[in-house]
Amino acid sequence: MSVTLLSLFIPTFFFVSITPGMCMTLALSLGMSIGVRRSLHMMWGELIGVGLVAAAAAAGVAAMMLQFPEAFIFLKLGGGAYLGWLGFQMWQSKGKLVMQEPGAEVKQQGRLQLALNGFITAIANPKGWAFFVTLLPPFLDQSQPLAPQLALLIAVILSLEFSCLLIYASGGKAMRHLLLNRNNVKLMNRIAGSLMIAVGIWLAFG
Protein backbone atom coordinates (compact mmCIF):
# COMPACT_ATOMS: atom_id res chain seq x y z
CA MET A 1 0.00 0.00 0.00
CA SER A 2 1.32 3.43 -0.92
CA VAL A 3 1.92 6.13 1.66
CA THR A 4 -0.58 8.34 -0.16
CA LEU A 5 -3.41 5.82 0.18
CA LEU A 6 -2.58 5.22 3.83
CA SER A 7 -2.50 8.96 4.56
CA LEU A 8 -5.99 9.22 3.09
CA PHE A 9 -7.30 6.10 4.81
CA ILE A 10 -6.39 7.17 8.37
CA PRO A 11 -8.42 10.41 8.51
CA THR A 12 -11.26 8.81 6.53
CA PHE A 13 -11.70 5.93 8.96
CA PHE A 14 -11.18 8.13 12.00
CA PHE A 15 -14.05 10.32 10.83
CA VAL A 16 -16.26 7.26 10.27
CA SER A 17 -15.31 5.73 13.62
CA ILE A 18 -15.69 8.88 15.74
CA THR A 19 -19.17 9.53 14.32
CA PRO A 20 -21.80 8.55 16.91
CA GLY A 21 -23.03 5.04 16.26
CA MET A 22 -23.95 1.86 18.07
CA CYS A 23 -20.46 0.92 19.27
CA MET A 24 -19.63 4.43 20.44
CA THR A 25 -22.99 4.81 22.18
CA LEU A 26 -22.36 1.51 23.94
CA ALA A 27 -18.94 2.75 25.09
CA LEU A 28 -20.50 5.99 26.33
CA SER A 29 -23.21 4.20 28.32
CA LEU A 30 -20.78 1.73 29.86
CA GLY A 31 -18.37 4.54 30.72
CA MET A 32 -21.24 6.09 32.64
CA SER A 33 -22.35 2.92 34.41
CA ILE A 34 -19.15 0.97 35.12
CA GLY A 35 -16.27 3.31 34.26
CA VAL A 36 -13.54 3.25 31.63
CA ARG A 37 -11.44 0.51 33.19
CA ARG A 38 -14.19 -2.09 33.27
CA SER A 39 -15.43 -0.96 29.87
CA LEU A 40 -12.14 -2.20 28.42
CA HIS A 41 -13.56 -5.74 28.52
CA MET A 42 -16.34 -4.62 26.18
CA MET A 43 -13.80 -2.91 23.98
CA TRP A 44 -11.65 -5.96 23.29
CA GLY A 45 -14.77 -7.91 22.36
CA GLU A 46 -15.85 -5.08 20.07
CA LEU A 47 -12.41 -4.91 18.47
CA ILE A 48 -12.48 -8.64 17.74
CA GLY A 49 -15.85 -8.15 16.09
CA VAL A 50 -14.62 -5.20 14.03
CA GLY A 51 -11.59 -7.18 12.90
CA LEU A 52 -13.78 -10.11 11.85
CA VAL A 53 -16.18 -7.83 9.98
CA ALA A 54 -13.30 -6.22 8.10
CA ALA A 55 -11.75 -9.58 7.23
CA ALA A 56 -15.10 -11.08 6.24
CA ALA A 57 -16.00 -8.15 4.04
CA ALA A 58 -12.65 -8.36 2.31
CA ALA A 59 -13.05 -12.11 1.81
CA GLY A 60 -16.40 -11.69 0.12
CA VAL A 61 -18.71 -12.79 2.93
CA ALA A 62 -20.59 -9.53 2.55
CA ALA A 63 -21.51 -10.50 -1.00
CA MET A 64 -22.96 -13.77 0.30
CA MET A 65 -24.98 -11.89 2.93
CA LEU A 66 -26.44 -9.74 0.16
CA GLN A 67 -27.76 -12.93 -1.42
CA PHE A 68 -29.17 -14.13 1.92
CA PRO A 69 -30.34 -10.92 3.64
CA GLU A 70 -32.52 -12.86 6.08
CA ALA A 71 -29.37 -13.97 7.92
CA PHE A 72 -28.34 -10.35 8.48
CA ILE A 73 -31.87 -9.37 9.51
CA PHE A 74 -31.96 -12.17 12.09
CA LEU A 75 -28.58 -11.05 13.42
CA LYS A 76 -29.75 -7.44 13.73
CA LEU A 77 -33.01 -8.32 15.47
CA GLY A 78 -31.38 -10.77 17.87
CA GLY A 79 -28.56 -8.40 18.77
CA GLY A 80 -30.97 -5.49 19.19
CA ALA A 81 -33.23 -7.49 21.50
CA TYR A 82 -30.25 -8.58 23.60
CA LEU A 83 -28.93 -5.05 24.08
CA GLY A 84 -32.44 -3.75 24.71
CA TRP A 85 -32.87 -6.30 27.49
CA LEU A 86 -29.59 -5.18 29.07
CA GLY A 87 -30.74 -1.57 28.86
CA PHE A 88 -34.06 -2.45 30.50
CA GLN A 89 -32.18 -4.05 33.39
CA MET A 90 -30.05 -0.93 33.78
CA TRP A 91 -33.18 1.25 33.73
CA GLN A 92 -34.53 -0.78 36.64
CA SER A 93 -31.13 -0.60 38.40
CA LYS A 94 -30.75 -4.36 38.08
CA GLY A 95 -28.14 -6.61 36.54
CA LYS A 96 -24.38 -6.53 36.40
CA LEU A 97 -23.95 -3.34 34.37
CA VAL A 98 -25.50 -0.87 36.80
CA MET A 99 -23.73 1.51 39.12
CA GLN A 100 -24.55 0.54 42.68
CA GLU A 101 -26.01 3.13 45.03
CA PRO A 102 -24.05 4.08 48.15
CA GLY A 103 -24.18 1.32 50.76
CA ALA A 104 -25.38 -1.33 48.31
CA GLU A 105 -23.49 -4.55 47.78
CA VAL A 106 -21.24 -4.26 44.73
CA LYS A 107 -21.94 -7.00 42.17
CA GLN A 108 -19.11 -8.69 40.33
CA GLN A 109 -18.93 -7.62 36.71
CA GLY A 110 -18.89 -10.36 34.08
CA ARG A 111 -15.87 -9.79 31.85
CA LEU A 112 -16.98 -12.26 29.20
CA GLN A 113 -20.47 -10.79 29.20
CA LEU A 114 -19.07 -7.32 28.59
CA ALA A 115 -16.88 -8.66 25.78
CA LEU A 116 -19.88 -10.44 24.27
CA ASN A 117 -21.87 -7.20 24.33
CA GLY A 118 -19.13 -5.47 22.37
CA PHE A 119 -18.72 -8.36 19.95
CA ILE A 120 -22.43 -8.61 19.15
CA THR A 121 -22.71 -4.86 18.64
CA ALA A 122 -19.72 -4.83 16.28
CA ILE A 123 -20.69 -7.72 14.03
CA ALA A 124 -24.32 -6.58 13.76
CA ASN A 125 -23.45 -2.95 13.09
CA PRO A 126 -24.73 -1.95 9.61
CA LYS A 127 -22.48 1.11 9.67
CA GLY A 128 -19.40 -1.09 9.97
CA TRP A 129 -20.47 -3.46 7.19
CA ALA A 130 -21.40 -0.57 4.92
CA PHE A 131 -18.02 1.07 5.42
CA PHE A 132 -15.96 -2.04 4.78
CA VAL A 133 -17.97 -3.10 1.75
CA THR A 134 -18.05 0.29 0.05
CA LEU A 135 -14.95 2.17 1.20
CA LEU A 136 -12.32 -0.48 1.84
CA PRO A 137 -11.73 -1.61 -1.80
CA PRO A 138 -10.65 1.85 -3.08
CA PHE A 139 -7.78 1.87 -0.59
CA LEU A 140 -6.37 -1.43 -1.88
CA ASP A 141 -3.69 -1.39 -4.53
CA GLN A 142 -4.51 -4.20 -6.97
CA SER A 143 -0.94 -4.22 -8.27
CA GLN A 144 0.41 -5.33 -4.88
CA PRO A 145 -0.30 -8.41 -2.75
CA LEU A 146 -3.61 -7.95 -0.94
CA ALA A 147 -2.89 -9.88 2.26
CA PRO A 148 -0.21 -7.47 3.63
CA GLN A 149 -2.36 -4.48 2.71
CA LEU A 150 -5.40 -5.90 4.49
CA ALA A 151 -3.32 -6.75 7.56
CA LEU A 152 -2.03 -3.17 7.69
CA LEU A 153 -5.46 -1.62 7.17
CA ILE A 154 -7.09 -3.81 9.84
CA ALA A 155 -4.31 -2.90 12.29
CA VAL A 156 -4.92 0.80 11.60
CA ILE A 157 -8.69 0.31 11.90
CA LEU A 158 -8.41 -1.41 15.28
CA SER A 159 -6.04 1.26 16.62
CA LEU A 160 -8.34 4.11 15.59
CA GLU A 161 -11.44 2.27 16.79
CA PHE A 162 -9.89 1.69 20.21
CA SER A 163 -8.95 5.36 20.48
CA CYS A 164 -12.51 6.43 19.68
CA LEU A 165 -13.98 3.95 22.17
CA LEU A 166 -11.74 5.39 24.88
CA ILE A 167 -12.87 8.92 24.00
CA TYR A 168 -16.53 8.01 24.33
CA ALA A 169 -16.08 5.92 27.47
CA SER A 170 -14.09 8.74 29.09
CA GLY A 171 -16.90 11.14 28.24
CA GLY A 172 -19.35 8.78 29.90
CA LYS A 173 -17.14 8.57 32.98
CA ALA A 174 -17.07 12.37 33.23
CA MET A 175 -20.87 12.42 33.15
CA ARG A 176 -20.90 9.66 35.74
CA HIS A 177 -18.82 11.67 38.22
CA LEU A 178 -21.07 14.69 37.65
CA LEU A 179 -24.14 12.66 38.51
CA LEU A 180 -22.50 10.97 41.47
CA ASN A 181 -21.60 14.34 42.92
CA ARG A 182 -25.33 15.06 42.95
CA ASN A 183 -26.14 11.64 44.40
CA ASN A 184 -28.25 10.80 41.38
CA VAL A 185 -27.05 7.22 40.88
CA LYS A 186 -30.51 5.98 39.87
CA LEU A 187 -30.77 8.75 37.28
CA MET A 188 -27.36 7.77 35.92
CA ASN A 189 -28.46 4.15 35.58
CA ARG A 190 -31.59 5.22 33.74
CA ILE A 191 -29.68 7.46 31.35
CA ALA A 192 -27.17 4.69 30.63
CA GLY A 193 -30.01 2.18 30.28
CA SER A 194 -31.89 4.47 27.90
CA LEU A 195 -28.76 4.78 25.76
CA MET A 196 -28.41 0.99 25.73
CA ILE A 197 -32.06 0.56 24.71
CA ALA A 198 -31.53 3.15 21.95
CA VAL A 199 -28.55 1.13 20.75
CA GLY A 200 -30.71 -1.99 20.66
CA ILE A 201 -33.47 -0.27 18.68
CA TRP A 202 -30.92 1.23 16.30
CA LEU A 203 -29.34 -2.18 15.87
CA ALA A 204 -32.64 -3.96 15.18
CA PHE A 205 -34.37 -1.41 12.96
CA GLY A 206 -31.63 0.96 11.76
C-alpha atoms as a PDB file:
ATOM      1  CA  MET A   1       0.000   0.000   0.000  1.00  0.00           C
ATOM      2  CA  SER A   2       1.324   3.430  -0.916  1.00  0.00           C
ATOM      3  CA  VAL A   3       1.923   6.127   1.658  1.00  0.00           C
ATOM      4  CA  THR A   4      -0.583   8.341  -0.158  1.00  0.00           C
ATOM      5  CA  LEU A   5      -3.406   5.821   0.178  1.00  0.00           C
ATOM      6  CA  LEU A   6      -2.575   5.218   3.831  1.00  0.00           C
ATOM      7  CA  SER A   7      -2.495   8.958   4.565  1.00  0.00           C
ATOM      8  CA  LEU A   8      -5.989   9.221   3.089  1.00  0.00           C
ATOM      9  CA  PHE A   9      -7.301   6.102   4.814  1.00  0.00           C
ATOM     10  CA  ILE A  10      -6.388   7.168   8.371  1.00  0.00           C
ATOM     11  CA  PRO A  11      -8.421  10.412   8.513  1.00  0.00           C
ATOM     12  CA  THR A  12     -11.258   8.805   6.531  1.00  0.00           C
ATOM     13  CA  PHE A  13     -11.701   5.932   8.955  1.00  0.00           C
ATOM     14  CA  PHE A  14     -11.177   8.135  12.003  1.00  0.00           C
ATOM     15  CA  PHE A  15     -14.053  10.323  10.832  1.00  0.00           C
ATOM     16  CA  VAL A  16     -16.260   7.257  10.266  1.00  0.00           C
ATOM     17  CA  SER A  17     -15.311   5.734  13.620  1.00  0.00           C
ATOM     18  CA  ILE A  18     -15.691   8.876  15.743  1.00  0.00           C
ATOM     19  CA  THR A  19     -19.169   9.534  14.323  1.00  0.00           C
ATOM     20  CA  PRO A  20     -21.802   8.549  16.911  1.00  0.00           C
ATOM     21  CA  GLY A  21     -23.030   5.044  16.263  1.00  0.00           C
ATOM     22  CA  MET A  22     -23.947   1.857  18.065  1.00  0.00           C
ATOM     23  CA  CYS A  23     -20.461   0.922  19.266  1.00  0.00           C
ATOM     24  CA  MET A  24     -19.631   4.431  20.439  1.00  0.00           C
ATOM     25  CA  THR A  25     -22.988   4.811  22.175  1.00  0.00           C
ATOM     26  CA  LEU A  26     -22.356   1.508  23.941  1.00  0.00           C
ATOM     27  CA  ALA A  27     -18.938   2.751  25.088  1.00  0.00           C
ATOM     28  CA  LEU A  28     -20.503   5.988  26.334  1.00  0.00           C
ATOM     29  CA  SER A  29     -23.215   4.195  28.320  1.00  0.00           C
ATOM     30  CA  LEU A  30     -20.776   1.731  29.859  1.00  0.00           C
ATOM     31  CA  GLY A  31     -18.374   4.538  30.719  1.00  0.00           C
ATOM     32  CA  MET A  32     -21.243   6.095  32.645  1.00  0.00           C
ATOM     33  CA  SER A  33     -22.354   2.923  34.405  1.00  0.00           C
ATOM     34  CA  ILE A  34     -19.154   0.967  35.122  1.00  0.00           C
ATOM     35  CA  GLY A  35     -16.274   3.310  34.256  1.00  0.00           C
ATOM     36  CA  VAL A  36     -13.536   3.254  31.626  1.00  0.00           C
ATOM     37  CA  ARG A  37     -11.436   0.514  33.188  1.00  0.00           C
ATOM     38  CA  ARG A  38     -14.193  -2.086  33.270  1.00  0.00           C
ATOM     39  CA  SER A  39     -15.430  -0.957  29.871  1.00  0.00           C
ATOM     40  CA  LEU A  40     -12.135  -2.202  28.423  1.00  0.00           C
ATOM     41  CA  HIS A  41     -13.560  -5.736  28.516  1.00  0.00           C
ATOM     42  CA  MET A  42     -16.339  -4.624  26.181  1.00  0.00           C
ATOM     43  CA  MET A  43     -13.796  -2.908  23.983  1.00  0.00           C
ATOM     44  CA  TRP A  44     -11.654  -5.956  23.292  1.00  0.00           C
ATOM     45  CA  GLY A  45     -14.775  -7.909  22.363  1.00  0.00           C
ATOM     46  CA  GLU A  46     -15.847  -5.078  20.067  1.00  0.00           C
ATOM     47  CA  LEU A  47     -12.414  -4.908  18.468  1.00  0.00           C
ATOM     48  CA  ILE A  48     -12.485  -8.641  17.739  1.00  0.00           C
ATOM     49  CA  GLY A  49     -15.855  -8.147  16.089  1.00  0.00           C
ATOM     50  CA  VAL A  50     -14.623  -5.203  14.032  1.00  0.00           C
ATOM     51  CA  GLY A  51     -11.592  -7.177  12.904  1.00  0.00           C
ATOM     52  CA  LEU A  52     -13.782 -10.109  11.852  1.00  0.00           C
ATOM     53  CA  VAL A  53     -16.180  -7.830   9.978  1.00  0.00           C
ATOM     54  CA  ALA A  54     -13.300  -6.221   8.102  1.00  0.00           C
ATOM     55  CA  ALA A  55     -11.750  -9.583   7.227  1.00  0.00           C
ATOM     56  CA  ALA A  56     -15.097 -11.084   6.243  1.00  0.00           C
ATOM     57  CA  ALA A  57     -16.002  -8.148   4.042  1.00  0.00           C
ATOM     58  CA  ALA A  58     -12.647  -8.356   2.313  1.00  0.00           C
ATOM     59  CA  ALA A  59     -13.050 -12.109   1.807  1.00  0.00           C
ATOM     60  CA  GLY A  60     -16.400 -11.693   0.117  1.00  0.00           C
ATOM     61  CA  VAL A  61     -18.709 -12.789   2.925  1.00  0.00           C
ATOM     62  CA  ALA A  62     -20.588  -9.527   2.550  1.00  0.00           C
ATOM     63  CA  ALA A  63     -21.511 -10.499  -1.002  1.00  0.00           C
ATOM     64  CA  MET A  64     -22.963 -13.766   0.304  1.00  0.00           C
ATOM     65  CA  MET A  65     -24.980 -11.885   2.931  1.00  0.00           C
ATOM     66  CA  LEU A  66     -26.436  -9.737   0.162  1.00  0.00           C
ATOM     67  CA  GLN A  67     -27.758 -12.933  -1.421  1.00  0.00           C
ATOM     68  CA  PHE A  68     -29.169 -14.130   1.916  1.00  0.00           C
ATOM     69  CA  PRO A  69     -30.340 -10.918   3.635  1.00  0.00           C
ATOM     70  CA  GLU A  70     -32.522 -12.860   6.081  1.00  0.00           C
ATOM     71  CA  ALA A  71     -29.372 -13.968   7.918  1.00  0.00           C
ATOM     72  CA  PHE A  72     -28.342 -10.349   8.481  1.00  0.00           C
ATOM     73  CA  ILE A  73     -31.873  -9.372   9.511  1.00  0.00           C
ATOM     74  CA  PHE A  74     -31.958 -12.165  12.094  1.00  0.00           C
ATOM     75  CA  LEU A  75     -28.580 -11.050  13.424  1.00  0.00           C
ATOM     76  CA  LYS A  76     -29.747  -7.443  13.732  1.00  0.00           C
ATOM     77  CA  LEU A  77     -33.012  -8.324  15.474  1.00  0.00           C
ATOM     78  CA  GLY A  78     -31.385 -10.771  17.866  1.00  0.00           C
ATOM     79  CA  GLY A  79     -28.561  -8.401  18.774  1.00  0.00           C
ATOM     80  CA  GLY A  80     -30.966  -5.489  19.192  1.00  0.00           C
ATOM     81  CA  ALA A  81     -33.230  -7.487  21.498  1.00  0.00           C
ATOM     82  CA  TYR A  82     -30.255  -8.585  23.600  1.00  0.00           C
ATOM     83  CA  LEU A  83     -28.935  -5.049  24.078  1.00  0.00           C
ATOM     84  CA  GLY A  84     -32.444  -3.750  24.706  1.00  0.00           C
ATOM     85  CA  TRP A  85     -32.868  -6.297  27.491  1.00  0.00           C
ATOM     86  CA  LEU A  86     -29.592  -5.183  29.066  1.00  0.00           C
ATOM     87  CA  GLY A  87     -30.736  -1.573  28.861  1.00  0.00           C
ATOM     88  CA  PHE A  88     -34.061  -2.448  30.498  1.00  0.00           C
ATOM     89  CA  GLN A  89     -32.179  -4.046  33.389  1.00  0.00           C
ATOM     90  CA  MET A  90     -30.053  -0.933  33.777  1.00  0.00           C
ATOM     91  CA  TRP A  91     -33.176   1.249  33.727  1.00  0.00           C
ATOM     92  CA  GLN A  92     -34.528  -0.777  36.642  1.00  0.00           C
ATOM     93  CA  SER A  93     -31.133  -0.599  38.395  1.00  0.00           C
ATOM     94  CA  LYS A  94     -30.751  -4.358  38.083  1.00  0.00           C
ATOM     95  CA  GLY A  95     -28.143  -6.609  36.542  1.00  0.00           C
ATOM     96  CA  LYS A  96     -24.376  -6.532  36.395  1.00  0.00           C
ATOM     97  CA  LEU A  97     -23.949  -3.340  34.367  1.00  0.00           C
ATOM     98  CA  VAL A  98     -25.504  -0.867  36.795  1.00  0.00           C
ATOM     99  CA  MET A  99     -23.728   1.511  39.123  1.00  0.00           C
ATOM    100  CA  GLN A 100     -24.551   0.540  42.685  1.00  0.00           C
ATOM    101  CA  GLU A 101     -26.015   3.128  45.026  1.00  0.00           C
ATOM    102  CA  PRO A 102     -24.047   4.082  48.151  1.00  0.00           C
ATOM    103  CA  GLY A 103     -24.179   1.322  50.759  1.00  0.00           C
ATOM    104  CA  ALA A 104     -25.376  -1.332  48.314  1.00  0.00           C
ATOM    105  CA  GLU A 105     -23.485  -4.553  47.782  1.00  0.00           C
ATOM    106  CA  VAL A 106     -21.240  -4.265  44.732  1.00  0.00           C
ATOM    107  CA  LYS A 107     -21.935  -7.000  42.167  1.00  0.00           C
ATOM    108  CA  GLN A 108     -19.110  -8.689  40.330  1.00  0.00           C
ATOM    109  CA  GLN A 109     -18.926  -7.620  36.705  1.00  0.00           C
ATOM    110  CA  GLY A 110     -18.889 -10.360  34.083  1.00  0.00           C
ATOM    111  CA  ARG A 111     -15.874  -9.789  31.850  1.00  0.00           C
ATOM    112  CA  LEU A 112     -16.980 -12.263  29.196  1.00  0.00           C
ATOM    113  CA  GLN A 113     -20.475 -10.790  29.196  1.00  0.00           C
ATOM    114  CA  LEU A 114     -19.067  -7.320  28.589  1.00  0.00           C
ATOM    115  CA  ALA A 115     -16.881  -8.663  25.782  1.00  0.00           C
ATOM    116  CA  LEU A 116     -19.884 -10.436  24.273  1.00  0.00           C
ATOM    117  CA  ASN A 117     -21.875  -7.204  24.334  1.00  0.00           C
ATOM    118  CA  GLY A 118     -19.129  -5.469  22.373  1.00  0.00           C
ATOM    119  CA  PHE A 119     -18.716  -8.365  19.950  1.00  0.00           C
ATOM    120  CA  ILE A 120     -22.435  -8.611  19.146  1.00  0.00           C
ATOM    121  CA  THR A 121     -22.710  -4.862  18.636  1.00  0.00           C
ATOM    122  CA  ALA A 122     -19.722  -4.831  16.282  1.00  0.00           C
ATOM    123  CA  ILE A 123     -20.686  -7.718  14.025  1.00  0.00           C
ATOM    124  CA  ALA A 124     -24.321  -6.576  13.760  1.00  0.00           C
ATOM    125  CA  ASN A 125     -23.447  -2.945  13.092  1.00  0.00           C
ATOM    126  CA  PRO A 126     -24.731  -1.949   9.614  1.00  0.00           C
ATOM    127  CA  LYS A 127     -22.480   1.111   9.673  1.00  0.00           C
ATOM    128  CA  GLY A 128     -19.400  -1.091   9.967  1.00  0.00           C
ATOM    129  CA  TRP A 129     -20.466  -3.459   7.194  1.00  0.00           C
ATOM    130  CA  ALA A 130     -21.402  -0.574   4.916  1.00  0.00           C
ATOM    131  CA  PHE A 131     -18.024   1.067   5.421  1.00  0.00           C
ATOM    132  CA  PHE A 132     -15.962  -2.038   4.783  1.00  0.00           C
ATOM    133  CA  VAL A 133     -17.973  -3.100   1.754  1.00  0.00           C
ATOM    134  CA  THR A 134     -18.047   0.291   0.049  1.00  0.00           C
ATOM    135  CA  LEU A 135     -14.951   2.175   1.202  1.00  0.00           C
ATOM    136  CA  LEU A 136     -12.325  -0.483   1.845  1.00  0.00           C
ATOM    137  CA  PRO A 137     -11.734  -1.606  -1.799  1.00  0.00           C
ATOM    138  CA  PRO A 138     -10.654   1.849  -3.081  1.00  0.00           C
ATOM    139  CA  PHE A 139      -7.778   1.868  -0.591  1.00  0.00           C
ATOM    140  CA  LEU A 140      -6.373  -1.434  -1.877  1.00  0.00           C
ATOM    141  CA  ASP A 141      -3.687  -1.392  -4.528  1.00  0.00           C
ATOM    142  CA  GLN A 142      -4.508  -4.197  -6.971  1.00  0.00           C
ATOM    143  CA  SER A 143      -0.939  -4.221  -8.270  1.00  0.00           C
ATOM    144  CA  GLN A 144       0.415  -5.328  -4.884  1.00  0.00           C
ATOM    145  CA  PRO A 145      -0.302  -8.415  -2.747  1.00  0.00           C
ATOM    146  CA  LEU A 146      -3.609  -7.953  -0.944  1.00  0.00           C
ATOM    147  CA  ALA A 147      -2.892  -9.880   2.263  1.00  0.00           C
ATOM    148  CA  PRO A 148      -0.211  -7.472   3.625  1.00  0.00           C
ATOM    149  CA  GLN A 149      -2.365  -4.480   2.707  1.00  0.00           C
ATOM    150  CA  LEU A 150      -5.402  -5.900   4.489  1.00  0.00           C
ATOM    151  CA  ALA A 151      -3.321  -6.748   7.560  1.00  0.00           C
ATOM    152  CA  LEU A 152      -2.031  -3.167   7.690  1.00  0.00           C
ATOM    153  CA  LEU A 153      -5.464  -1.621   7.166  1.00  0.00           C
ATOM    154  CA  ILE A 154      -7.087  -3.805   9.838  1.00  0.00           C
ATOM    155  CA  ALA A 155      -4.310  -2.902  12.293  1.00  0.00           C
ATOM    156  CA  VAL A 156      -4.924   0.798  11.603  1.00  0.00           C
ATOM    157  CA  ILE A 157      -8.691   0.307  11.901  1.00  0.00           C
ATOM    158  CA  LEU A 158      -8.411  -1.406  15.284  1.00  0.00           C
ATOM    159  CA  SER A 159      -6.044   1.262  16.624  1.00  0.00           C
ATOM    160  CA  LEU A 160      -8.336   4.112  15.587  1.00  0.00           C
ATOM    161  CA  GLU A 161     -11.445   2.268  16.790  1.00  0.00           C
ATOM    162  CA  PHE A 162      -9.887   1.687  20.212  1.00  0.00           C
ATOM    163  CA  SER A 163      -8.947   5.359  20.485  1.00  0.00           C
ATOM    164  CA  CYS A 164     -12.511   6.432  19.683  1.00  0.00           C
ATOM    165  CA  LEU A 165     -13.979   3.947  22.167  1.00  0.00           C
ATOM    166  CA  LEU A 166     -11.737   5.392  24.877  1.00  0.00           C
ATOM    167  CA  ILE A 167     -12.865   8.918  24.003  1.00  0.00           C
ATOM    168  CA  TYR A 168     -16.533   8.006  24.327  1.00  0.00           C
ATOM    169  CA  ALA A 169     -16.079   5.919  27.473  1.00  0.00           C
ATOM    170  CA  SER A 170     -14.089   8.738  29.087  1.00  0.00           C
ATOM    171  CA  GLY A 171     -16.902  11.143  28.244  1.00  0.00           C
ATOM    172  CA  GLY A 172     -19.345   8.785  29.898  1.00  0.00           C
ATOM    173  CA  LYS A 173     -17.143   8.572  32.979  1.00  0.00           C
ATOM    174  CA  ALA A 174     -17.069  12.370  33.225  1.00  0.00           C
ATOM    175  CA  MET A 175     -20.868  12.417  33.153  1.00  0.00           C
ATOM    176  CA  ARG A 176     -20.897   9.656  35.744  1.00  0.00           C
ATOM    177  CA  HIS A 177     -18.823  11.673  38.215  1.00  0.00           C
ATOM    178  CA  LEU A 178     -21.066  14.690  37.652  1.00  0.00           C
ATOM    179  CA  LEU A 179     -24.135  12.664  38.514  1.00  0.00           C
ATOM    180  CA  LEU A 180     -22.501  10.968  41.473  1.00  0.00           C
ATOM    181  CA  ASN A 181     -21.604  14.342  42.920  1.00  0.00           C
ATOM    182  CA  ARG A 182     -25.325  15.065  42.946  1.00  0.00           C
ATOM    183  CA  ASN A 183     -26.142  11.637  44.400  1.00  0.00           C
ATOM    184  CA  ASN A 184     -28.249  10.795  41.384  1.00  0.00           C
ATOM    185  CA  VAL A 185     -27.055   7.221  40.875  1.00  0.00           C
ATOM    186  CA  LYS A 186     -30.508   5.985  39.866  1.00  0.00           C
ATOM    187  CA  LEU A 187     -30.770   8.752  37.279  1.00  0.00           C
ATOM    188  CA  MET A 188     -27.357   7.769  35.916  1.00  0.00           C
ATOM    189  CA  ASN A 189     -28.462   4.150  35.584  1.00  0.00           C
ATOM    190  CA  ARG A 190     -31.594   5.219  33.742  1.00  0.00           C
ATOM    191  CA  ILE A 191     -29.678   7.462  31.351  1.00  0.00           C
ATOM    192  CA  ALA A 192     -27.174   4.694  30.632  1.00  0.00           C
ATOM    193  CA  GLY A 193     -30.009   2.178  30.278  1.00  0.00           C
ATOM    194  CA  SER A 194     -31.886   4.468  27.902  1.00  0.00           C
ATOM    195  CA  LEU A 195     -28.762   4.776  25.756  1.00  0.00           C
ATOM    196  CA  MET A 196     -28.411   0.990  25.727  1.00  0.00           C
ATOM    197  CA  ILE A 197     -32.061   0.558  24.706  1.00  0.00           C
ATOM    198  CA  ALA A 198     -31.534   3.146  21.954  1.00  0.00           C
ATOM    199  CA  VAL A 199     -28.546   1.135  20.746  1.00  0.00           C
ATOM    200  CA  GLY A 200     -30.714  -1.993  20.662  1.00  0.00           C
ATOM    201  CA  ILE A 201     -33.474  -0.266  18.682  1.00  0.00           C
ATOM    202  CA  TRP A 202     -30.920   1.227  16.301  1.00  0.00           C
ATOM    203  CA  LEU A 203     -29.344  -2.177  15.866  1.00  0.00           C
ATOM    204  CA  ALA A 204     -32.640  -3.955  15.177  1.00  0.00           C
ATOM    205  CA  PHE A 205     -34.373  -1.405  12.965  1.00  0.00           C
ATOM    206  CA  GLY A 206     -31.629   0.961  11.761  1.00  0.00           C
END
